[in-house]
Amino acid sequence: MKIAIVCYPTFGGSGVVATELGLELANRGHEVHFITYNQPVRLALLNPNIFYHEVVVPEYPLFHYQPYELALSSKIVDMVKLHKIEVLHVHYAIPHAFAGYMAKQMLLEQNIKLPMVTTLHGTDITLVGNHPFYKTAVSFSINQSDYVTSVSEDLKKSTYELFDTKKDIYVIPNFIEDKKVGDLQMQCRRNLFANDNERIVTHISNFRKVKRILDIVKVFDGIQKEIPAKLMMVGDGPERLEAEKLVSELGIENKVIFFGNSSEIDSILKYSDLFLLPSETESFGLAALEAMANKVPVISSNAGGLPEVNLQGVSGFLNDIGDIDGMVQHSLQILKDDITLQQFKEQAYRHSKLFSVDKIVPMYEEIYQKALLNN
């Protein structure tokens, strides 16, 4: 098949999933065309089946905000005609499904039918899409899609509750590649950040308020009072400054490292002992799954789709949102001795295999085939 993928080209979960999906589809022999305003951060163009088409938005003084949706829909039309693309897969309802619908209508004027699959990732539904300014457009975009998927049962339920949609929503969870864990170089790198007797606790996100970044610092503070430990904060965003202030107030600056954004996520996770994700909401929790695939147990909230990913008492523990003491106690339960820690590491790794790329990507291929057959 010839498949066009429209996504955000950033470090966020939807962009990562869309990029990894495209790469795997290309490995399976499909021709994949990425259409977006920048090259996705994880996209490697060495595969002959991968193509990237940049959406350029001309600057016009007439517009207070430049019309990205217009440029995107026009680019989709041009690429479909030029490369004979058969299926359009958009990630995020707004603006991508809306632009996809406009492209479909323009192509229909030229007797070209283009089936569109829309994948809902979370904030496009629960935050952006539910805003009164966008709700009508999101409902319309979902209903005009040929097929709709969501990354968790919880997100599917939220979509039906928040929007007037009659479409069937197919749950296709996020996926992960099998990770190779453990080597001498990893141990050498670990020694750069922590002593042999210290546990390494990690968090990776975009540092938005919904991630409850201050809770992470508070949970770590409780951990380090009981056992030697270091905290590695990976990512950047609006809550970083407040987190740095709290670290200073608690007097633990020498135990916390703020890395900023990094493209070496797997390398960082490979020498981590515990992953913290106490979010207010998560549609799925891709960061938690990536941690588990690197043999890192997870302490998370029980919000959104996280219970579908983090299995209580197996890959880690779930706690109520804001339950700092509970998260501290569960963290210490995992980290207290080497035998228990190793047990949780192995359990987290085995559980992550339920979300392996070989199990999930065929589910998307099946959706594409249905879209083609019913177009």
Protein backbone atom coordinates (compact mmCIF):
# COMPACT_ATOMS: atom_id res chain seq x y z
CA MET A 1 0.00 0.00 0.00
CA LYS A 2 0.92 3.63 -0.44
CA ILE A 3 0.15 5.38 2.85
CA ALA A 4 0.37 9.06 3.80
CA ILE A 5 0.90 9.86 7.49
CA VAL A 6 0.11 13.30 8.89
CA CYS A 7 1.38 14.03 12.42
CA TYR A 8 3.10 16.53 14.65
CA PRO A 9 6.88 16.18 14.16
CA THR A 10 7.74 16.75 17.83
CA PHE A 11 8.86 14.82 20.93
CA GLY A 12 5.22 14.29 21.98
CA GLY A 13 3.72 10.82 22.16
CA SER A 14 1.50 11.12 19.07
CA GLY A 15 4.41 12.17 16.88
CA VAL A 16 6.63 9.38 18.19
CA VAL A 17 3.95 6.73 17.63
CA ALA A 18 3.14 7.99 14.14
CA THR A 19 6.82 8.01 13.18
CA GLU A 20 7.53 4.54 14.57
CA LEU A 21 4.40 3.22 12.85
CA GLY A 22 5.55 4.64 9.52
CA LEU A 23 9.02 3.16 9.91
CA GLU A 24 7.61 -0.28 10.69
CA LEU A 25 5.14 -0.11 7.79
CA ALA A 26 8.06 0.74 5.50
CA ASN A 27 10.00 -2.25 6.84
CA ARG A 28 6.98 -4.38 5.92
CA GLY A 29 7.17 -3.22 2.31
CA HIS A 30 4.62 -0.38 2.29
CA GLU A 31 5.42 2.99 0.73
CA VAL A 32 5.05 5.63 3.46
CA HIS A 33 4.83 9.40 2.92
CA PHE A 34 5.12 11.73 5.93
CA ILE A 35 3.42 15.09 5.40
CA THR A 36 4.13 17.69 8.07
CA TYR A 37 5.91 21.02 8.67
CA ASN A 38 9.22 19.56 9.93
CA GLN A 39 10.97 16.23 9.67
CA PRO A 40 9.73 14.11 12.63
CA VAL A 41 12.41 13.82 15.32
CA ARG A 42 12.64 10.03 15.11
CA LEU A 43 12.33 9.72 11.34
CA ALA A 44 15.24 8.08 9.52
CA LEU A 45 15.12 8.59 5.77
CA LEU A 46 17.54 5.77 4.92
CA ASN A 47 14.69 3.37 4.08
CA PRO A 48 13.82 3.56 0.35
CA ASN A 49 10.13 3.20 1.26
CA ILE A 50 10.12 6.36 3.42
CA PHE A 51 9.39 9.81 2.00
CA TYR A 52 9.06 13.18 3.75
CA HIS A 53 7.12 16.11 2.28
CA GLU A 54 7.42 19.45 4.05
CA VAL A 55 4.38 21.66 4.45
CA VAL A 56 5.46 25.24 3.83
CA VAL A 57 3.17 28.02 5.05
CA PRO A 58 3.84 31.27 3.14
CA GLU A 59 3.94 34.41 5.26
CA TYR A 60 1.16 36.82 4.37
CA PRO A 61 0.78 40.13 6.30
CA LEU A 62 -2.95 39.82 5.68
CA PHE A 63 -3.20 36.93 8.17
CA HIS A 64 -2.76 37.45 11.90
CA TYR A 65 -2.25 33.65 12.13
CA GLN A 66 -0.86 31.84 9.10
CA PRO A 67 -3.31 29.24 7.71
CA TYR A 68 -1.51 25.93 8.35
CA GLU A 69 -4.66 23.82 7.76
CA LEU A 70 -5.02 25.31 4.27
CA ALA A 71 -1.38 24.66 3.40
CA LEU A 72 -1.59 21.12 4.81
CA SER A 73 -4.75 20.16 2.92
CA SER A 74 -3.30 21.52 -0.32
CA LYS A 75 -0.06 19.59 0.24
CA ILE A 76 -2.01 16.37 0.89
CA VAL A 77 -3.88 16.83 -2.41
CA ASP A 78 -0.67 17.44 -4.35
CA MET A 79 1.12 14.44 -2.84
CA VAL A 80 -1.82 12.08 -3.32
CA LYS A 81 -1.98 12.97 -7.02
CA LEU A 82 1.79 12.86 -7.52
CA HIS A 83 2.51 9.60 -5.68
CA LYS A 84 -0.83 7.78 -6.14
CA ILE A 85 -1.31 7.54 -2.36
CA GLU A 86 -4.08 5.11 -1.43
CA VAL A 87 -4.74 5.74 2.28
CA LEU A 88 -4.42 8.84 4.47
CA HIS A 89 -3.67 8.26 8.18
CA VAL A 90 -3.91 11.38 10.34
CA HIS A 91 -2.79 11.53 13.96
CA TYR A 92 -4.65 14.08 16.08
CA ALA A 93 -8.16 15.22 15.25
CA ILE A 94 -7.38 18.94 15.14
CA PRO A 95 -6.05 20.21 12.84
CA HIS A 96 -5.07 17.06 10.94
CA ALA A 97 -8.41 15.28 10.49
CA PHE A 98 -10.04 18.59 9.58
CA ALA A 99 -7.36 19.27 6.94
CA GLY A 100 -7.65 15.67 5.78
CA TYR A 101 -11.39 16.07 5.23
CA MET A 102 -10.80 19.20 3.12
CA ALA A 103 -8.21 17.31 1.08
CA LYS A 104 -10.68 14.45 0.55
CA GLN A 105 -13.29 16.88 -0.75
CA MET A 106 -10.86 18.59 -3.13
CA LEU A 107 -9.74 15.21 -4.47
CA LEU A 108 -13.33 14.06 -4.88
CA GLU A 109 -13.86 16.99 -7.27
CA GLN A 110 -11.25 15.26 -9.44
CA ASN A 111 -12.86 11.82 -9.04
CA ILE A 112 -10.16 10.62 -6.64
CA LYS A 113 -11.42 8.83 -3.54
CA LEU A 114 -9.06 8.89 -0.57
CA PRO A 115 -10.04 6.93 2.58
CA MET A 116 -8.95 8.62 5.82
CA VAL A 117 -8.07 6.89 9.10
CA THR A 118 -7.96 9.16 12.16
CA THR A 119 -6.10 8.14 15.32
CA LEU A 120 -7.06 9.89 18.54
CA HIS A 121 -4.16 10.24 20.98
CA GLY A 122 -5.52 12.06 24.00
CA THR A 123 -5.10 15.80 24.37
CA ASP A 124 -6.75 16.31 20.97
CA ILE A 125 -9.87 14.94 22.68
CA THR A 126 -9.65 15.62 26.42
CA LEU A 127 -8.05 19.10 26.34
CA VAL A 128 -8.01 20.78 22.94
CA GLY A 129 -11.01 19.09 21.41
CA ASN A 130 -13.28 19.61 24.40
CA HIS A 131 -12.78 23.38 24.32
CA PRO A 132 -16.01 25.11 23.20
CA PHE A 133 -14.13 26.82 20.36
CA TYR A 134 -13.12 23.48 18.81
CA LYS A 135 -15.69 20.93 19.95
CA THR A 136 -17.93 21.22 16.90
CA ALA A 137 -14.98 20.91 14.52
CA VAL A 138 -13.61 17.87 16.35
CA SER A 139 -16.99 16.11 16.27
CA PHE A 140 -17.28 16.86 12.57
CA SER A 141 -13.75 15.62 11.83
CA ILE A 142 -14.31 12.35 13.68
CA ASN A 143 -17.63 11.72 11.96
CA GLN A 144 -16.18 12.46 8.52
CA SER A 145 -13.30 9.99 8.98
CA ASP A 146 -13.68 6.62 7.29
CA TYR A 147 -12.18 4.80 10.28
CA VAL A 148 -11.33 6.05 13.76
CA THR A 149 -8.90 4.49 16.23
CA SER A 150 -7.93 5.40 19.78
CA VAL A 151 -4.88 4.38 21.79
CA SER A 152 -6.83 3.12 24.82
CA GLU A 153 -10.23 1.97 25.99
CA ASP A 154 -10.31 4.94 28.37
CA LEU A 155 -9.82 7.40 25.52
CA LYS A 156 -12.51 5.66 23.47
CA LYS A 157 -14.92 6.02 26.40
CA SER A 158 -14.02 9.70 26.84
CA THR A 159 -14.56 10.40 23.15
CA TYR A 160 -18.07 8.97 23.24
CA GLU A 161 -18.83 10.94 26.41
CA LEU A 162 -17.48 14.28 25.16
CA PHE A 163 -18.52 14.30 21.50
CA ASP A 164 -21.57 13.66 19.42
CA THR A 165 -20.09 10.88 17.31
CA LYS A 166 -21.72 7.83 15.81
CA LYS A 167 -18.51 6.34 14.44
CA ASP A 168 -17.19 3.00 15.63
CA ILE A 169 -13.88 3.56 17.42
CA TYR A 170 -11.31 0.77 17.22
CA VAL A 171 -8.84 0.54 20.10
CA ILE A 172 -5.28 0.00 18.88
CA PRO A 173 -2.82 0.55 21.74
CA ASN A 174 0.54 2.19 21.34
CA PHE A 175 3.41 -0.17 20.69
CA ILE A 176 7.08 -0.57 21.41
CA GLU A 177 10.04 -2.17 19.70
CA ASP A 178 11.86 -4.95 21.51
CA LYS A 179 14.77 -3.34 23.35
CA LYS A 180 18.21 -4.84 23.85
CA VAL A 181 19.01 -4.18 27.49
CA GLY A 182 22.30 -4.45 29.32
CA ASP A 183 25.91 -4.03 28.20
CA LEU A 184 29.26 -2.89 29.55
CA GLN A 185 28.99 0.55 27.96
CA MET A 186 25.66 1.08 29.73
CA GLN A 187 27.28 0.41 33.12
CA CYS A 188 30.10 2.82 32.34
CA ARG A 189 27.63 5.56 31.42
CA ARG A 190 25.58 4.86 34.55
CA ASN A 191 28.64 5.56 36.68
CA LEU A 192 28.75 9.10 35.26
CA PHE A 193 25.50 9.93 37.07
CA ALA A 194 25.29 7.72 40.13
CA ASN A 195 27.42 5.70 42.49
CA ASP A 196 27.07 1.92 42.56
CA ASN A 197 25.03 2.06 45.77
CA GLU A 198 22.56 4.66 44.41
CA ARG A 199 19.25 3.91 42.71
CA ILE A 200 18.41 5.97 39.62
CA VAL A 201 14.86 7.31 39.39
CA THR A 202 13.76 8.84 36.07
CA HIS A 203 10.96 10.94 34.62
CA ILE A 204 10.50 11.85 30.93
CA SER A 205 7.83 14.25 29.65
CA ASN A 206 7.03 17.67 28.20
CA PHE A 207 6.84 19.13 31.73
CA ARG A 208 3.29 20.38 31.37
CA LYS A 209 1.07 20.92 34.41
CA VAL A 210 -0.90 17.74 33.66
CA LYS A 211 2.28 15.71 34.32
CA ARG A 212 2.35 16.89 37.97
CA ILE A 213 6.07 17.59 37.85
CA LEU A 214 6.23 18.84 41.45
CA ASP A 215 4.80 15.52 42.62
CA ILE A 216 7.78 13.79 41.02
CA VAL A 217 10.21 15.91 43.02
CA LYS A 218 8.25 15.28 46.23
CA VAL A 219 8.12 11.51 45.65
CA PHE A 220 11.84 11.43 44.95
CA ASP A 221 12.53 13.46 48.08
CA GLY A 222 10.71 10.79 50.08
CA ILE A 223 12.73 8.05 48.36
CA GLN A 224 16.13 9.66 48.88
CA LYS A 225 15.45 10.14 52.58
CA GLU A 226 15.36 6.36 52.94
CA ILE A 227 17.88 5.07 50.37
CA PRO A 228 20.73 6.60 48.32
CA ALA A 229 19.24 7.76 45.01
CA LYS A 230 19.50 10.17 42.07
CA LEU A 231 16.67 11.69 40.02
CA MET A 232 17.01 12.26 36.28
CA MET A 233 14.47 14.69 34.82
CA VAL A 234 14.35 14.44 31.03
CA GLY A 235 12.40 16.93 28.94
CA ASP A 236 11.45 20.57 29.09
CA GLY A 237 8.35 22.70 29.47
CA PRO A 238 6.46 25.25 31.55
CA GLU A 239 6.77 23.41 34.89
CA ARG A 240 10.53 22.98 34.79
CA LEU A 241 11.34 26.26 36.56
CA GLU A 242 8.98 25.49 39.46
CA ALA A 243 10.49 22.03 39.76
CA GLU A 244 14.01 23.48 39.91
CA LYS A 245 12.85 25.90 42.63
CA LEU A 246 11.38 23.05 44.68
CA VAL A 247 14.57 21.01 44.31
CA SER A 248 16.51 23.99 45.66
CA GLU A 249 14.08 24.52 48.57
CA LEU A 250 14.40 20.85 49.54
CA GLY A 251 18.19 21.06 49.39
CA ILE A 252 18.59 18.13 46.98
CA GLU A 253 20.26 19.94 44.06
CA ASN A 254 23.19 17.51 44.14
CA LYS A 255 20.79 14.58 43.69
CA VAL A 256 18.70 15.84 40.76
CA ILE A 257 19.79 16.26 37.13
CA PHE A 258 17.69 18.25 34.62
CA PHE A 259 18.69 17.05 31.15
CA GLY A 260 16.28 19.07 29.00
CA ASN A 261 15.04 17.46 25.79
CA SER A 262 17.07 14.48 24.67
CA SER A 263 17.13 12.10 21.71
CA GLU A 264 18.86 9.45 23.85
CA ILE A 265 15.77 8.25 25.72
CA ASP A 266 16.63 4.55 25.49
CA SER A 267 20.18 5.14 26.72
CA ILE A 268 18.87 7.03 29.76
CA LEU A 269 16.24 4.40 30.53
CA LYS A 270 18.69 1.53 30.27
CA TYR A 271 20.50 2.61 33.41
CA SER A 272 17.37 3.63 35.30
CA ASP A 273 15.89 1.63 38.19
CA LEU A 274 12.46 3.25 38.49
CA PHE A 275 10.20 5.46 36.35
CA LEU A 276 7.77 7.99 37.85
CA LEU A 277 4.63 9.09 36.00
CA PRO A 278 2.11 10.62 38.47
CA SER A 279 0.09 12.41 35.75
CA GLU A 280 -3.29 14.03 36.19
CA THR A 281 -4.35 12.22 33.04
CA GLU A 282 -2.74 10.02 30.38
CA SER A 283 -4.62 8.69 27.37
CA PHE A 284 -2.17 5.78 27.24
CA GLY A 285 1.21 6.38 28.86
CA LEU A 286 3.76 5.74 26.12
CA ALA A 287 6.63 6.92 28.33
CA ALA A 288 5.71 4.25 30.88
CA LEU A 289 5.68 1.57 28.18
CA GLU A 290 9.09 2.69 26.89
CA ALA A 291 10.43 2.45 30.44
CA MET A 292 9.04 -1.07 30.89
CA ALA A 293 10.53 -2.17 27.57
CA ASN A 294 13.90 -1.11 28.99
CA LYS A 295 13.37 -3.17 32.16
CA VAL A 296 12.33 -0.18 34.29
CA PRO A 297 9.36 -0.69 36.65
CA VAL A 298 6.83 2.14 36.85
CA ILE A 299 5.18 4.07 39.66
CA SER A 300 2.22 5.92 38.15
CA SER A 301 -1.16 7.40 38.89
CA ASN A 302 -4.22 5.32 38.05
CA ALA A 303 -5.48 8.00 35.64
CA GLY A 304 -6.81 7.53 32.12
CA GLY A 305 -5.29 4.65 30.19
CA LEU A 306 -2.41 4.02 32.60
CA PRO A 307 -4.08 0.99 34.25
CA GLU A 308 -4.20 -0.57 30.75
CA VAL A 309 -0.40 -0.26 30.53
CA ASN A 310 1.04 -0.45 34.06
CA LEU A 311 -0.10 -3.71 35.66
CA GLN A 312 -0.54 -3.36 39.43
CA GLY A 313 2.06 -5.32 41.38
CA VAL A 314 3.65 -6.68 38.20
CA SER A 315 5.22 -3.92 36.08
CA GLY A 316 5.01 -1.52 39.01
CA PHE A 317 2.29 0.13 41.07
CA LEU A 318 -0.68 2.45 40.55
CA ASN A 319 -1.71 5.15 43.04
CA ASP A 320 -4.43 7.76 43.27
CA ILE A 321 -3.56 11.13 41.74
CA GLY A 322 -1.60 13.20 44.25
CA ASP A 323 -0.94 10.30 46.65
CA ILE A 324 2.68 11.22 47.37
CA ASP A 325 3.06 8.97 50.43
CA GLY A 326 1.63 5.96 48.58
CA MET A 327 3.99 6.48 45.67
CA VAL A 328 6.96 6.80 48.03
CA GLN A 329 6.07 3.56 49.80
CA HIS A 330 5.55 1.65 46.57
CA SER A 331 8.82 3.03 45.20
CA LEU A 332 10.71 1.84 48.28
CA GLN A 333 8.98 -1.54 48.02
CA ILE A 334 10.54 -2.00 44.57
CA LEU A 335 13.92 -0.42 45.31
CA LYS A 336 14.53 -1.86 48.78
CA ASP A 337 16.84 -4.70 47.69
CA ASP A 338 18.51 -6.00 44.55
CA ILE A 339 16.45 -9.20 44.37
CA THR A 340 13.10 -7.40 44.49
CA LEU A 341 14.26 -4.74 42.04
CA GLN A 342 15.47 -7.35 39.55
CA GLN A 343 12.17 -9.22 39.85
CA PHE A 344 10.17 -6.08 39.00
CA LYS A 345 12.55 -5.24 36.15
CA GLU A 346 11.99 -8.65 34.54
CA GLN A 347 8.22 -8.47 35.11
CA ALA A 348 8.01 -5.00 33.55
CA TYR A 349 9.97 -6.19 30.52
CA ARG A 350 7.79 -9.26 30.01
CA HIS A 351 4.60 -7.23 30.34
CA SER A 352 5.82 -4.71 27.75
CA LYS A 353 5.93 -7.50 25.16
CA LEU A 354 2.12 -7.49 25.08
CA PHE A 355 2.53 -4.18 23.21
CA SER A 356 5.24 -5.33 20.79
CA VAL A 357 5.34 -3.86 17.30
CA ASP A 358 4.68 -7.29 15.77
CA LYS A 359 1.35 -7.52 17.60
CA ILE A 360 0.09 -3.97 17.07
CA VAL A 361 1.11 -2.86 13.56
CA PRO A 362 -0.91 -5.63 11.82
CA MET A 363 -3.99 -4.13 13.49
CA TYR A 364 -3.35 -0.88 11.59
CA GLU A 365 -2.76 -2.78 8.36
CA GLU A 366 -6.14 -4.44 8.81
CA ILE A 367 -7.81 -1.04 9.26
CA TYR A 368 -6.14 0.24 6.07
CA GLN A 369 -7.39 -2.77 4.13
CA LYS A 370 -10.92 -2.21 5.39
CA ALA A 371 -10.74 1.45 4.44
CA LEU A 372 -9.61 0.54 0.91
CA LEU A 373 -12.26 -2.12 0.45
CA ASN A 374 -15.07 0.16 1.64
CA ASN A 375 -13.92 3.25 -0.24
